């Protein structure tokens, strides 16, 4: 999520503006990391978007990326990853033990 966070916020780790005139929207950043990535590898007909006939590759995040404050995008976590319709990663909740 850090790449999307930086593209949207354009700030350094210390909070200094870094090319703020080059900021892009969250929607634009998502497209760059999904469809444009597939297009760059000539696979836009197979992946890059959720459509009938395409591979079901997706991630489930800990929050709705379009609704969180832009400066909190970096704090979102991947809860699940699905590749070609198969769950390949799922975050395990830590069990709290009572004493």
PDB file of N, CA and C in Angstrom:
ATOM      1  N   UNK A   1       0.809  -1.180   0.000  1.00  0.00           N
ATOM      2  CA  UNK A   1       0.000   0.000   0.000  1.00  0.00           C
ATOM      3  C   UNK A   1       0.863   1.259   0.000  1.00  0.00           C
ATOM      4  N   UNK A   2       2.132   1.073   0.301  1.00  0.00           N
ATOM      5  CA  UNK A   2       3.022   2.227   0.389  1.00  0.00           C
ATOM      6  C   UNK A   2       3.156   2.950  -0.954  1.00  0.00           C
ATOM      7  N   UNK A   3       3.234   2.206  -2.046  1.00  0.00           N
ATOM      8  CA  UNK A   3       3.354   2.832  -3.360  1.00  0.00           C
ATOM      9  C   UNK A   3       2.146   3.691  -3.699  1.00  0.00           C
ATOM     10  N   UNK A   4       0.958   3.186  -3.420  1.00  0.00           N
ATOM     11  CA  UNK A   4      -0.262   3.957  -3.658  1.00  0.00           C
ATOM     12  C   UNK A   4      -0.282   5.168  -2.731  1.00  0.00           C
ATOM     13  N   UNK A   5       0.082   4.959  -1.476  1.00  0.00           N
ATOM     14  CA  UNK A   5       0.122   6.052  -0.500  1.00  0.00           C
ATOM     15  C   UNK A   5       1.028   7.189  -0.987  1.00  0.00           C
ATOM     16  N   UNK A   6       2.214   6.856  -1.446  1.00  0.00           N
ATOM     17  CA  UNK A   6       3.170   7.875  -1.899  1.00  0.00           C
ATOM     18  C   UNK A   6       2.656   8.580  -3.157  1.00  0.00           C
ATOM     19  N   UNK A   7       2.093   7.836  -4.092  1.00  0.00           N
ATOM     20  CA  UNK A   7       1.581   8.445  -5.323  1.00  0.00           C
ATOM     21  C   UNK A   7       0.452   9.434  -5.040  1.00  0.00           C
ATOM     22  N   UNK A   8      -0.367   9.119  -4.050  1.00  0.00           N
ATOM     23  CA  UNK A   8      -1.511   9.967  -3.710  1.00  0.00           C
ATOM     24  C   UNK A   8      -1.098  11.159  -2.848  1.00  0.00           C
ATOM     25  N   UNK A   9      -0.198  10.943  -1.901  1.00  0.00           N
ATOM     26  CA  UNK A   9       0.149  11.989  -0.935  1.00  0.00           C
ATOM     27  C   UNK A   9       1.372  12.816  -1.302  1.00  0.00           C
ATOM     28  N   UNK A  10       2.337  12.210  -1.979  1.00  0.00           N
ATOM     29  CA  UNK A  10       3.563  12.892  -2.401  1.00  0.00           C
ATOM     30  C   UNK A  10       4.245  13.625  -1.253  1.00  0.00           C
ATOM     31  N   UNK A  11       4.484  12.883  -0.167  1.00  0.00           N
ATOM     32  CA  UNK A  11       5.202  13.433   0.983  1.00  0.00           C
ATOM     33  C   UNK A  11       6.310  12.477   1.388  1.00  0.00           C
ATOM     34  N   UNK A  12       7.387  13.032   1.934  1.00  0.00           N
ATOM     35  CA  UNK A  12       8.495  12.214   2.426  1.00  0.00           C
ATOM     36  C   UNK A  12       8.114  11.591   3.764  1.00  0.00           C
ATOM     37  N   UNK A  13       8.983  10.735   4.280  1.00  0.00           N
ATOM     38  CA  UNK A  13       8.740  10.120   5.589  1.00  0.00           C
ATOM     39  C   UNK A  13       8.603  11.163   6.688  1.00  0.00           C
ATOM     40  N   UNK A  14       9.260  12.299   6.510  1.00  0.00           N
ATOM     41  CA  UNK A  14       9.201  13.355   7.526  1.00  0.00           C
ATOM     42  C   UNK A  14       8.007  14.288   7.321  1.00  0.00           C
ATOM     43  N   UNK A  15       7.205  14.039   6.292  1.00  0.00           N
ATOM     44  CA  UNK A  15       6.022  14.850   6.052  1.00  0.00           C
ATOM     45  C   UNK A  15       6.223  16.026   5.119  1.00  0.00           C
ATOM     46  N   UNK A  16       7.434  16.160   4.572  1.00  0.00           N
ATOM     47  CA  UNK A  16       7.719  17.255   3.642  1.00  0.00           C
ATOM     48  C   UNK A  16       7.089  16.958   2.280  1.00  0.00           C
ATOM     49  N   UNK A  17       6.505  17.973   1.661  1.00  0.00           N
ATOM     50  CA  UNK A  17       5.941  17.816   0.323  1.00  0.00           C
ATOM     51  C   UNK A  17       7.055  17.452  -0.651  1.00  0.00           C
ATOM     52  N   UNK A  18       6.784  16.496  -1.517  1.00  0.00           N
ATOM     53  CA  UNK A  18       7.764  16.050  -2.511  1.00  0.00           C
ATOM     54  C   UNK A  18       7.055  15.916  -3.855  1.00  0.00           C
ATOM     55  N   UNK A  19       7.086  16.974  -4.630  1.00  0.00           N
ATOM     56  CA  UNK A  19       6.422  16.928  -5.932  1.00  0.00           C
ATOM     57  C   UNK A  19       4.911  16.923  -5.808  1.00  0.00           C
ATOM     58  N   UNK A  20       4.373  17.759  -4.931  1.00  0.00           N
ATOM     59  CA  UNK A  20       2.932  17.756  -4.690  1.00  0.00           C
ATOM     60  C   UNK A  20       2.127  18.072  -5.949  1.00  0.00           C
ATOM     61  N   UNK A  21       2.746  18.713  -6.928  1.00  0.00           N
ATOM     62  CA  UNK A  21       2.063  18.973  -8.198  1.00  0.00           C
ATOM     63  C   UNK A  21       1.926  17.703  -9.042  1.00  0.00           C
ATOM     64  N   UNK A  22       2.524  16.604  -8.593  1.00  0.00           N
ATOM     65  CA  UNK A  22       2.452  15.332  -9.304  1.00  0.00           C
ATOM     66  C   UNK A  22       1.542  14.331  -8.600  1.00  0.00           C
ATOM     67  N   UNK A  23       0.781  14.790  -7.600  1.00  0.00           N
ATOM     68  CA  UNK A  23      -0.144  13.906  -6.891  1.00  0.00           C
ATOM     69  C   UNK A  23      -1.191  13.363  -7.859  1.00  0.00           C
ATOM     70  N   UNK A  24      -1.643  12.142  -7.591  1.00  0.00           N
ATOM     71  CA  UNK A  24      -2.733  11.564  -8.377  1.00  0.00           C
ATOM     72  C   UNK A  24      -3.825  11.117  -7.411  1.00  0.00           C
ATOM     73  N   UNK A  25      -5.003  10.845  -7.941  1.00  0.00           N
ATOM     74  CA  UNK A  25      -6.121  10.414  -7.102  1.00  0.00           C
ATOM     75  C   UNK A  25      -5.945   8.949  -6.699  1.00  0.00           C
ATOM     76  N   UNK A  26      -6.680   8.543  -5.692  1.00  0.00           N
ATOM     77  CA  UNK A  26      -6.646   7.145  -5.255  1.00  0.00           C
ATOM     78  C   UNK A  26      -7.094   6.245  -6.400  1.00  0.00           C
ATOM     79  N   UNK A  27      -8.132   6.639  -7.097  1.00  0.00           N
ATOM     80  CA  UNK A  27      -8.633   5.840  -8.220  1.00  0.00           C
ATOM     81  C   UNK A  27      -7.573   5.694  -9.306  1.00  0.00           C
ATOM     82  N   UNK A  28      -6.868   6.775  -9.616  1.00  0.00           N
ATOM     83  CA  UNK A  28      -5.791   6.704 -10.615  1.00  0.00           C
ATOM     84  C   UNK A  28      -4.678   5.773 -10.145  1.00  0.00           C
ATOM     85  N   UNK A  29      -4.323   5.833  -8.873  1.00  0.00           N
ATOM     86  CA  UNK A  29      -3.258   4.981  -8.338  1.00  0.00           C
ATOM     87  C   UNK A  29      -3.655   3.508  -8.394  1.00  0.00           C
ATOM     88  N   UNK A  30      -4.897   3.209  -8.060  1.00  0.00           N
ATOM     89  CA  UNK A  30      -5.369   1.818  -8.135  1.00  0.00           C
ATOM     90  C   UNK A  30      -5.267   1.317  -9.571  1.00  0.00           C
ATOM     91  N   UNK A  31      -5.694   2.133 -10.510  1.00  0.00           N
ATOM     92  CA  UNK A  31      -5.623   1.733 -11.921  1.00  0.00           C
ATOM     93  C   UNK A  31      -4.173   1.491 -12.352  1.00  0.00           C
ATOM     94  N   UNK A  32      -3.248   2.335 -11.904  1.00  0.00           N
ATOM     95  CA  UNK A  32      -1.837   2.139 -12.244  1.00  0.00           C
ATOM     96  C   UNK A  32      -1.318   0.799 -11.745  1.00  0.00           C
ATOM     97  N   UNK A  33      -1.748   0.391 -10.564  1.00  0.00           N
ATOM     98  CA  UNK A  33      -1.262  -0.851  -9.974  1.00  0.00           C
ATOM     99  C   UNK A  33      -2.018  -2.084 -10.451  1.00  0.00           C
ATOM    100  N   UNK A  34      -3.136  -1.898 -11.151  1.00  0.00           N
ATOM    101  CA  UNK A  34      -3.933  -3.045 -11.594  1.00  0.00           C
ATOM    102  C   UNK A  34      -3.941  -3.136 -13.118  1.00  0.00           C
ATOM    103  N   UNK A  35      -4.838  -2.423 -13.748  1.00  0.00           N
ATOM    104  CA  UNK A  35      -5.005  -2.532 -15.186  1.00  0.00           C
ATOM    105  C   UNK A  35      -3.749  -2.127 -15.946  1.00  0.00           C
ATOM    106  N   UNK A  36      -3.125  -1.020 -15.564  1.00  0.00           N
ATOM    107  CA  UNK A  36      -1.928  -0.574 -16.290  1.00  0.00           C
ATOM    108  C   UNK A  36      -0.787  -1.574 -16.161  1.00  0.00           C
ATOM    109  N   UNK A  37      -0.673  -2.222 -15.002  1.00  0.00           N
ATOM    110  CA  UNK A  37       0.343  -3.260 -14.828  1.00  0.00           C
ATOM    111  C   UNK A  37       0.102  -4.430 -15.765  1.00  0.00           C
ATOM    112  N   UNK A  38      -1.159  -4.822 -15.887  1.00  0.00           N
ATOM    113  CA  UNK A  38      -1.507  -5.909 -16.807  1.00  0.00           C
ATOM    114  C   UNK A  38      -1.254  -5.487 -18.254  1.00  0.00           C
ATOM    115  N   UNK A  39      -1.590  -4.262 -18.579  1.00  0.00           N
ATOM    116  CA  UNK A  39      -1.382  -3.743 -19.934  1.00  0.00           C
ATOM    117  C   UNK A  39       0.104  -3.740 -20.293  1.00  0.00           C
ATOM    118  N   UNK A  40       0.939  -3.342 -19.338  1.00  0.00           N
ATOM    119  CA  UNK A  40       2.384  -3.270 -19.584  1.00  0.00           C
ATOM    120  C   UNK A  40       2.981  -4.636 -19.896  1.00  0.00           C
ATOM    121  N   UNK A  41       2.345  -5.694 -19.390  1.00  0.00           N
ATOM    122  CA  UNK A  41       2.844  -7.049 -19.656  1.00  0.00           C
ATOM    123  C   UNK A  41       1.976  -7.774 -20.698  1.00  0.00           C
ATOM    124  N   UNK A  42       1.188  -7.002 -21.462  1.00  0.00           N
ATOM    125  CA  UNK A  42       0.330  -7.536 -22.526  1.00  0.00           C
ATOM    126  C   UNK A  42      -0.667  -8.570 -22.005  1.00  0.00           C
ATOM    127  N   UNK A  43      -1.150  -8.376 -20.772  1.00  0.00           N
ATOM    128  CA  UNK A  43      -2.090  -9.328 -20.175  1.00  0.00           C
ATOM    129  C   UNK A  43      -3.417  -8.678 -19.792  1.00  0.00           C
ATOM    130  N   UNK A  44      -3.716  -7.508 -20.358  1.00  0.00           N
ATOM    131  CA  UNK A  44      -4.929  -6.794 -19.978  1.00  0.00           C
ATOM    132  C   UNK A  44      -6.213  -7.535 -20.347  1.00  0.00           C
ATOM    133  N   UNK A  45      -6.126  -8.523 -21.238  1.00  0.00           N
ATOM    134  CA  UNK A  45      -7.303  -9.332 -21.573  1.00  0.00           C
ATOM    135  C   UNK A  45      -7.520 -10.471 -20.582  1.00  0.00           C
ATOM    136  N   UNK A  46      -6.527 -10.732 -19.719  1.00  0.00           N
ATOM    137  CA  UNK A  46      -6.616 -11.825 -18.744  1.00  0.00           C
ATOM    138  C   UNK A  46      -6.711 -11.335 -17.311  1.00  0.00           C
ATOM    139  N   UNK A  47      -6.118 -10.172 -17.030  1.00  0.00           N
ATOM    140  CA  UNK A  47      -6.101  -9.669 -15.657  1.00  0.00           C
ATOM    141  C   UNK A  47      -6.031  -8.154 -15.631  1.00  0.00           C
ATOM    142  N   UNK A  48      -6.038  -7.594 -14.429  1.00  0.00           N
ATOM    143  CA  UNK A  48      -5.957  -6.147 -14.282  1.00  0.00           C
ATOM    144  C   UNK A  48      -7.268  -5.504 -13.885  1.00  0.00           C
ATOM    145  N   UNK A  49      -8.364  -6.237 -14.064  1.00  0.00           N
ATOM    146  CA  UNK A  49      -9.684  -5.754 -13.655  1.00  0.00           C
ATOM    147  C   UNK A  49     -10.565  -6.972 -13.377  1.00  0.00           C
ATOM    148  N   UNK A  50     -11.600  -6.749 -12.592  1.00  0.00           N
ATOM    149  CA  UNK A  50     -12.526  -7.836 -12.271  1.00  0.00           C
ATOM    150  C   UNK A  50     -13.627  -7.836 -13.329  1.00  0.00           C
ATOM    151  N   UNK A  51     -13.558  -8.814 -14.231  1.00  0.00           N
ATOM    152  CA  UNK A  51     -14.524  -8.940 -15.318  1.00  0.00           C
ATOM    153  C   UNK A  51     -14.736 -10.415 -15.621  1.00  0.00           C
ATOM    154  N   UNK A  52     -15.902 -10.729 -16.175  1.00  0.00           N
ATOM    155  CA  UNK A  52     -16.203 -12.097 -16.588  1.00  0.00           C
ATOM    156  C   UNK A  52     -15.142 -12.552 -17.578  1.00  0.00           C
ATOM    157  N   UNK A  53     -14.595 -13.744 -17.355  1.00  0.00           N
ATOM    158  CA  UNK A  53     -13.599 -14.311 -18.251  1.00  0.00           C
ATOM    159  C   UNK A  53     -12.161 -14.003 -17.879  1.00  0.00           C
ATOM    160  N   UNK A  54     -11.955 -13.103 -16.925  1.00  0.00           N
ATOM    161  CA  UNK A  54     -10.594 -12.789 -16.490  1.00  0.00           C
ATOM    162  C   UNK A  54     -10.255 -13.577 -15.231  1.00  0.00           C
ATOM    163  N   UNK A  55      -8.959 -13.700 -14.964  1.00  0.00           N
ATOM    164  CA  UNK A  55      -8.514 -14.368 -13.746  1.00  0.00           C
ATOM    165  C   UNK A  55      -9.026 -13.599 -12.532  1.00  0.00           C
ATOM    166  N   UNK A  56      -9.417 -14.327 -11.516  1.00  0.00           N
ATOM    167  CA  UNK A  56      -9.926 -13.686 -10.295  1.00  0.00           C
ATOM    168  C   UNK A  56      -8.766 -13.426  -9.344  1.00  0.00           C
ATOM    169  N   UNK A  57      -7.962 -12.422  -9.656  1.00  0.00           N
ATOM    170  CA  UNK A  57      -6.845 -12.014  -8.803  1.00  0.00           C
ATOM    171  C   UNK A  57      -7.268 -10.753  -8.061  1.00  0.00           C
ATOM    172  N   UNK A  58      -7.238 -10.804  -6.726  1.00  0.00           N
ATOM    173  CA  UNK A  58      -7.660  -9.643  -5.956  1.00  0.00           C
ATOM    174  C   UNK A  58      -7.119  -9.706  -4.544  1.00  0.00           C
ATOM    175  N   UNK A  59      -7.165  -8.565  -3.875  1.00  0.00           N
ATOM    176  CA  UNK A  59      -6.813  -8.503  -2.459  1.00  0.00           C
ATOM    177  C   UNK A  59      -7.994  -7.933  -1.690  1.00  0.00           C
ATOM    178  N   UNK A  60      -8.112  -8.368  -0.444  1.00  0.00           N
ATOM    179  CA  UNK A  60      -9.089  -7.809   0.485  1.00  0.00           C
ATOM    180  C   UNK A  60      -8.286  -7.011   1.499  1.00  0.00           C
ATOM    181  N   UNK A  61      -8.637  -5.747   1.656  1.00  0.00           N
ATOM    182  CA  UNK A  61      -7.898  -4.862   2.555  1.00  0.00           C
ATOM    183  C   UNK A  61      -8.610  -4.718   3.891  1.00  0.00           C
ATOM    184  N   UNK A  62      -7.890  -4.209   4.869  1.00  0.00           N
ATOM    185  CA  UNK A  62      -8.437  -4.021   6.214  1.00  0.00           C
ATOM    186  C   UNK A  62      -9.407  -2.847   6.292  1.00  0.00           C
ATOM    187  N   UNK A  63      -9.475  -2.049   5.256  1.00  0.00           N
ATOM    188  CA  UNK A  63     -10.403  -0.922   5.190  1.00  0.00           C
ATOM    189  C   UNK A  63     -10.700  -0.614   3.743  1.00  0.00           C
ATOM    190  N   UNK A  64     -11.698   0.215   3.526  1.00  0.00           N
ATOM    191  CA  UNK A  64     -12.091   0.587   2.162  1.00  0.00           C
ATOM    192  C   UNK A  64     -11.192   1.721   1.682  1.00  0.00           C
ATOM    193  N   UNK A  65     -10.304   1.423   0.748  1.00  0.00           N
ATOM    194  CA  UNK A  65      -9.268   2.363   0.318  1.00  0.00           C
ATOM    195  C   UNK A  65      -9.844   3.681  -0.199  1.00  0.00           C
ATOM    196  N   UNK A  66     -11.043   3.658  -0.744  1.00  0.00           N
ATOM    197  CA  UNK A  66     -11.648   4.886  -1.253  1.00  0.00           C
ATOM    198  C   UNK A  66     -12.258   5.735  -0.141  1.00  0.00           C
ATOM    199  N   UNK A  67     -12.411   5.163   1.045  1.00  0.00           N
ATOM    200  CA  UNK A  67     -13.054   5.873   2.153  1.00  0.00           C
ATOM    201  C   UNK A  67     -12.107   6.312   3.264  1.00  0.00           C
ATOM    202  N   UNK A  68     -10.923   5.697   3.358  1.00  0.00           N
ATOM    203  CA  UNK A  68     -10.006   6.090   4.434  1.00  0.00           C
ATOM    204  C   UNK A  68      -9.370   7.433   4.074  1.00  0.00           C
ATOM    205  N   UNK A  69      -8.971   8.214   5.078  1.00  0.00           N
ATOM    206  CA  UNK A  69      -8.250   9.456   4.771  1.00  0.00           C
ATOM    207  C   UNK A  69      -6.991   9.129   3.960  1.00  0.00           C
ATOM    208  N   UNK A  70      -6.655   9.980   3.008  1.00  0.00           N
ATOM    209  CA  UNK A  70      -5.512   9.701   2.128  1.00  0.00           C
ATOM    210  C   UNK A  70      -4.223   9.463   2.897  1.00  0.00           C
ATOM    211  N   UNK A  71      -4.035  10.146   4.017  1.00  0.00           N
ATOM    212  CA  UNK A  71      -2.799   9.946   4.774  1.00  0.00           C
ATOM    213  C   UNK A  71      -2.803   8.644   5.572  1.00  0.00           C
ATOM    214  N   UNK A  72      -3.898   7.886   5.540  1.00  0.00           N
ATOM    215  CA  UNK A  72      -3.977   6.604   6.248  1.00  0.00           C
ATOM    216  C   UNK A  72      -3.880   5.407   5.302  1.00  0.00           C
ATOM    217  N   UNK A  73      -3.720   5.642   4.011  1.00  0.00           N
ATOM    218  CA  UNK A  73      -3.626   4.536   3.049  1.00  0.00           C
ATOM    219  C   UNK A  73      -2.480   3.600   3.411  1.00  0.00           C
ATOM    220  N   UNK A  74      -1.371   4.164   3.868  1.00  0.00           N
ATOM    221  CA  UNK A  74      -0.195   3.351   4.213  1.00  0.00           C
ATOM    222  C   UNK A  74      -0.481   2.390   5.360  1.00  0.00           C
ATOM    223  N   UNK A  75      -1.507   2.660   6.154  1.00  0.00           N
ATOM    224  CA  UNK A  75      -1.823   1.828   7.310  1.00  0.00           C
ATOM    225  C   UNK A  75      -2.749   0.661   6.974  1.00  0.00           C
ATOM    226  N   UNK A  76      -3.312   0.647   5.779  1.00  0.00           N
ATOM    227  CA  UNK A  76      -4.167  -0.469   5.381  1.00  0.00           C
ATOM    228  C   UNK A  76      -3.325  -1.734   5.278  1.00  0.00           C
ATOM    229  N   UNK A  77      -3.922  -2.847   5.649  1.00  0.00           N
ATOM    230  CA  UNK A  77      -3.219  -4.125   5.560  1.00  0.00           C
ATOM    231  C   UNK A  77      -3.964  -5.058   4.624  1.00  0.00           C
ATOM    232  N   UNK A  78      -3.222  -5.927   3.980  1.00  0.00           N
ATOM    233  CA  UNK A  78      -3.832  -6.958   3.148  1.00  0.00           C
ATOM    234  C   UNK A  78      -4.331  -8.050   4.081  1.00  0.00           C
ATOM    235  N   UNK A  79      -5.623  -8.318   4.023  1.00  0.00           N
ATOM    236  CA  UNK A  79      -6.228  -9.359   4.855  1.00  0.00           C
ATOM    237  C   UNK A  79      -6.285 -10.690   4.113  1.00  0.00           C
ATOM    238  N   UNK A  80      -6.431 -10.620   2.783  1.00  0.00           N
ATOM    239  CA  UNK A  80      -6.526 -11.845   1.987  1.00  0.00           C
ATOM    240  C   UNK A  80      -6.054 -11.547   0.571  1.00  0.00           C
ATOM    241  N   UNK A  81      -5.398 -12.535  -0.042  1.00  0.00           N
ATOM    242  CA  UNK A  81      -5.000 -12.446  -1.442  1.00  0.00           C
ATOM    243  C   UNK A  81      -5.577 -13.646  -2.172  1.00  0.00           C
ATOM    244  N   UNK A  82      -6.230 -13.387  -3.302  1.00  0.00           N
ATOM    245  CA  UNK A  82      -6.820 -14.439  -4.132  1.00  0.00           C
ATOM    246  C   UNK A  82      -6.151 -14.362  -5.499  1.00  0.00           C
ATOM    247  N   UNK A  83      -5.596 -15.485  -5.952  1.00  0.00           N
ATOM    248  CA  UNK A  83      -4.976 -15.556  -7.276  1.00  0.00           C
ATOM    249  C   UNK A  83      -5.674 -16.652  -8.061  1.00  0.00           C
ATOM    250  N   UNK A  84      -6.182 -16.288  -9.223  1.00  0.00           N
ATOM    251  CA  UNK A  84      -6.923 -17.204 -10.092  1.00  0.00           C
ATOM    252  C   UNK A  84      -8.031 -17.924  -9.317  1.00  0.00           C
ATOM    253  N   UNK A  85      -8.701 -17.188  -8.443  1.00  0.00           N
ATOM    254  CA  UNK A  85      -9.828 -17.732  -7.696  1.00  0.00           C
ATOM    255  C   UNK A  85      -9.466 -18.542  -6.470  1.00  0.00           C
ATOM    256  N   UNK A  86      -8.176 -18.691  -6.174  1.00  0.00           N
ATOM    257  CA  UNK A  86      -7.735 -19.488  -5.023  1.00  0.00           C
ATOM    258  C   UNK A  86      -7.125 -18.576  -3.960  1.00  0.00           C
ATOM    259  N   UNK A  87      -7.548 -18.762  -2.712  1.00  0.00           N
ATOM    260  CA  UNK A  87      -6.980 -17.982  -1.612  1.00  0.00           C
ATOM    261  C   UNK A  87      -5.550 -18.453  -1.386  1.00  0.00           C
ATOM    262  N   UNK A  88      -4.594 -17.542  -1.548  1.00  0.00           N
ATOM    263  CA  UNK A  88      -3.187 -17.888  -1.357  1.00  0.00           C
ATOM    264  C   UNK A  88      -2.605 -17.245  -0.102  1.00  0.00           C
ATOM    265  N   UNK A  89      -3.333 -16.284   0.466  1.00  0.00           N
ATOM    266  CA  UNK A  89      -2.909 -15.665   1.723  1.00  0.00           C
ATOM    267  C   UNK A  89      -4.146 -15.224   2.476  1.00  0.00           C
ATOM    268  N   UNK A  90      -4.146 -15.499   3.785  1.00  0.00           N
ATOM    269  CA  UNK A  90      -5.211 -14.999   4.643  1.00  0.00           C
ATOM    270  C   UNK A  90      -4.596 -14.672   5.990  1.00  0.00           C
ATOM    271  N   UNK A  91      -4.756 -13.423   6.417  1.00  0.00           N
ATOM    272  CA  UNK A  91      -4.201 -12.994   7.700  1.00  0.00           C
ATOM    273  C   UNK A  91      -4.898 -13.751   8.818  1.00  0.00           C
ATOM    274  N   UNK A  92      -4.107 -14.253   9.723  1.00  0.00           N
ATOM    275  CA  UNK A  92      -4.648 -14.974  10.871  1.00  0.00           C
ATOM    276  C   UNK A  92      -4.822 -14.003  12.021  1.00  0.00           C
ATOM    277  N   UNK A  93      -5.995 -14.005  12.629  1.00  0.00           N
ATOM    278  CA  UNK A  93      -6.198 -13.162  13.802  1.00  0.00           C
ATOM    279  C   UNK A  93      -5.483 -13.791  14.976  1.00  0.00           C
ATOM    280  N   UNK A  94      -4.839 -12.947  15.757  1.00  0.00           N
ATOM    281  CA  UNK A  94      -4.136 -13.446  16.930  1.00  0.00           C
ATOM    282  C   UNK A  94      -5.149 -13.704  18.034  1.00  0.00           C
ATOM    283  N   UNK A  95      -5.041 -14.852  18.614  1.00  0.00           N
ATOM    284  CA  UNK A  95      -5.951 -15.220  19.689  1.00  0.00           C
ATOM    285  C   UNK A  95      -5.451 -14.617  20.996  1.00  0.00           C
ATOM    286  N   UNK A  96      -6.332 -13.958  21.704  1.00  0.00           N
ATOM    287  CA  UNK A  96      -5.974 -13.359  22.983  1.00  0.00           C
ATOM    288  C   UNK A  96      -6.237 -14.390  24.072  1.00  0.00           C
ATOM    289  N   UNK A  97      -5.201 -14.701  24.806  1.00  0.00           N
ATOM    290  CA  UNK A  97      -5.334 -15.687  25.880  1.00  0.00           C
ATOM    291  C   UNK A  97      -5.634 -14.982  27.189  1.00  0.00           C
ATOM    292  N   UNK A  98      -6.618 -15.493  27.903  1.00  0.00           N
ATOM    293  CA  UNK A  98      -6.933 -14.934  29.218  1.00  0.00           C
ATOM    294  C   UNK A  98      -6.051 -15.592  30.253  1.00  0.00           C
ATOM    295  N   UNK A  99      -5.678 -14.827  31.270  1.00  0.00           N
ATOM    296  CA  UNK A  99      -4.841 -15.374  32.344  1.00  0.00           C
ATOM    297  C   UNK A  99      -5.687 -15.834  33.481  1.00  0.00           C
TER     298      UNK A  99
END
